[in-house]
Amino acid sequence: MEGEESVDASVIGSADEVVQERICDDELILIRGPKARTAASIIIRGANDFMCDEIERSVHDALSVVKRVLESKQVVPGGGCCETALSIYLENFATTVVCSLIFNLFFLLNNEIFYRVQENN
């Protein structure tokens, strides 16, 4: 520390063990047995930097989803669930209508769109 900087003792944590270990080609500092369990580390390893970047983005996205769910206490389903629900509803509705030819046609069209979207993802 330089100058007049100071650290309050209440913000300093404690641990049973702090060690530097070599895992494959990397030197890591591991903190074992912390008194307060408010943090965790995720070690990302991959064949190359591109793969590690992709894994990091995926982990970030997943943690962001968890954070949003914990903040809002709501989950909005995704991944084509609206299209699937509409398809099921229209299929059931088309079987109850006397003039079901139009609805069956619309149902088939909706299914085709759903499968095309699914193929592109």
Protein backbone atom coordinates (compact mmCIF):
# COMPACT_ATOMS: atom_id res chain seq x y z
CA MET A 1 0.00 0.00 0.00
CA GLU A 2 1.10 3.47 -0.74
CA GLY A 3 0.52 6.77 1.02
CA GLU A 4 -2.44 7.11 3.32
CA GLU A 5 -4.33 4.02 2.15
CA SER A 6 -5.78 1.79 4.81
CA VAL A 7 -7.81 -1.38 4.91
CA ASP A 8 -10.54 -2.02 7.43
CA ALA A 9 -10.00 -5.35 9.21
CA SER A 10 -13.68 -6.27 8.72
CA VAL A 11 -13.22 -6.65 4.95
CA ILE A 12 -10.24 -8.99 5.19
CA GLY A 13 -11.20 -12.64 5.00
CA SER A 14 -9.53 -15.76 6.27
CA ALA A 15 -8.89 -19.23 4.92
CA ASP A 16 -7.46 -22.51 6.12
CA GLU A 17 -4.91 -22.63 3.31
CA VAL A 18 -3.65 -20.46 0.43
CA VAL A 19 -1.33 -22.31 -1.92
CA GLN A 20 0.13 -21.93 -5.38
CA GLU A 21 -0.20 -25.12 -7.40
CA ARG A 22 0.75 -26.10 -10.90
CA ILE A 23 -2.10 -27.65 -12.91
CA CYS A 24 -0.83 -28.77 -16.32
CA ASP A 25 0.94 -25.68 -17.72
CA ASP A 26 -0.72 -23.12 -15.44
CA GLU A 27 0.26 -21.79 -12.03
CA LEU A 28 -2.88 -21.24 -9.94
CA ILE A 29 -3.38 -19.73 -6.51
CA LEU A 30 -5.92 -21.85 -4.64
CA ILE A 31 -7.77 -20.63 -1.56
CA ARG A 32 -9.06 -23.54 0.47
CA GLY A 33 -11.42 -23.46 3.42
CA PRO A 34 -12.53 -19.83 3.39
CA LYS A 35 -14.58 -18.75 6.40
CA ALA A 36 -17.18 -16.96 4.24
CA ARG A 37 -18.38 -18.91 1.20
CA THR A 38 -19.47 -15.99 -0.96
CA ALA A 39 -17.31 -16.64 -4.00
CA ALA A 40 -16.21 -19.47 -6.24
CA SER A 41 -13.74 -19.86 -9.08
CA ILE A 42 -14.33 -21.63 -12.35
CA ILE A 43 -11.23 -22.91 -14.11
CA ILE A 44 -11.71 -22.98 -17.88
CA ARG A 45 -9.41 -25.15 -19.95
CA GLY A 46 -9.60 -25.93 -23.63
CA ALA A 47 -7.64 -27.04 -26.66
CA ASN A 48 -7.01 -23.45 -27.80
CA ASP A 49 -7.83 -19.82 -27.00
CA PHE A 50 -10.89 -19.81 -29.27
CA MET A 51 -12.43 -22.73 -27.38
CA CYS A 52 -11.68 -21.12 -24.02
CA ASP A 53 -13.29 -17.86 -25.20
CA GLU A 54 -16.42 -19.73 -26.27
CA ILE A 55 -16.59 -21.60 -22.96
CA GLU A 56 -16.14 -18.33 -21.09
CA ARG A 57 -19.00 -16.71 -23.05
CA SER A 58 -21.25 -19.70 -22.38
CA VAL A 59 -20.49 -19.67 -18.66
CA HIS A 60 -21.10 -15.90 -18.57
CA ASP A 61 -24.46 -16.33 -20.33
CA ALA A 62 -25.50 -19.10 -17.94
CA LEU A 63 -24.52 -17.08 -14.87
CA SER A 64 -26.39 -14.06 -16.26
CA VAL A 65 -29.53 -16.16 -16.64
CA VAL A 66 -29.25 -17.38 -13.05
CA LYS A 67 -28.69 -13.81 -11.85
CA ARG A 68 -31.76 -12.51 -13.73
CA VAL A 69 -33.95 -15.33 -12.39
CA LEU A 70 -32.82 -14.65 -8.82
CA GLU A 71 -33.43 -10.91 -9.23
CA SER A 72 -36.85 -11.10 -10.91
CA LYS A 73 -38.04 -14.41 -9.41
CA GLN A 74 -39.54 -15.22 -12.83
CA VAL A 75 -38.58 -17.52 -15.69
CA VAL A 76 -39.52 -16.83 -19.28
CA PRO A 77 -39.25 -19.99 -21.37
CA GLY A 78 -37.44 -19.67 -24.68
CA GLY A 79 -36.02 -21.75 -27.48
CA GLY A 80 -39.17 -22.01 -29.60
CA CYS A 81 -41.60 -22.68 -26.74
CA CYS A 82 -44.09 -20.06 -28.02
CA GLU A 83 -44.07 -21.63 -31.47
CA THR A 84 -44.50 -25.10 -30.00
CA ALA A 85 -47.40 -23.99 -27.77
CA LEU A 86 -49.09 -22.29 -30.72
CA SER A 87 -48.62 -25.39 -32.86
CA ILE A 88 -50.21 -27.65 -30.21
CA TYR A 89 -53.09 -25.23 -29.70
CA LEU A 90 -53.76 -24.93 -33.43
CA GLU A 91 -53.61 -28.69 -33.93
CA ASN A 92 -56.22 -29.20 -31.21
CA PHE A 93 -58.33 -26.31 -32.49
CA ALA A 94 -58.22 -27.58 -36.10
CA THR A 95 -59.75 -30.91 -35.10
CA THR A 96 -62.76 -29.21 -33.46
CA VAL A 97 -63.71 -26.89 -36.32
CA VAL A 98 -66.13 -28.02 -39.04
CA CYS A 99 -64.19 -26.22 -41.71
CA SER A 100 -60.84 -27.55 -40.51
CA LEU A 101 -59.09 -27.54 -43.89
CA ILE A 102 -57.92 -23.92 -43.49
CA PHE A 103 -56.71 -24.50 -39.95
CA ASN A 104 -54.94 -27.73 -40.88
CA LEU A 105 -53.18 -25.86 -43.66
CA PHE A 106 -52.16 -23.11 -41.26
CA PHE A 107 -51.01 -25.75 -38.74
CA LEU A 108 -48.83 -27.45 -41.35
CA LEU A 109 -47.35 -24.11 -42.39
CA ASN A 110 -46.62 -23.20 -38.76
CA ASN A 111 -44.94 -26.58 -38.23
CA GLU A 112 -42.79 -26.08 -41.31
CA ILE A 113 -41.67 -22.65 -40.05
CA PHE A 114 -40.92 -24.13 -36.61
CA TYR A 115 -38.76 -26.91 -38.11
CA ARG A 116 -36.89 -24.46 -40.36
CA VAL A 117 -36.13 -22.19 -37.39
CA GLN A 118 -35.02 -25.23 -35.41
CA GLU A 119 -32.68 -26.34 -38.21
CA ASN A 120 -31.06 -22.89 -38.37
CA ASN A 121 -30.24 -22.88 -34.64
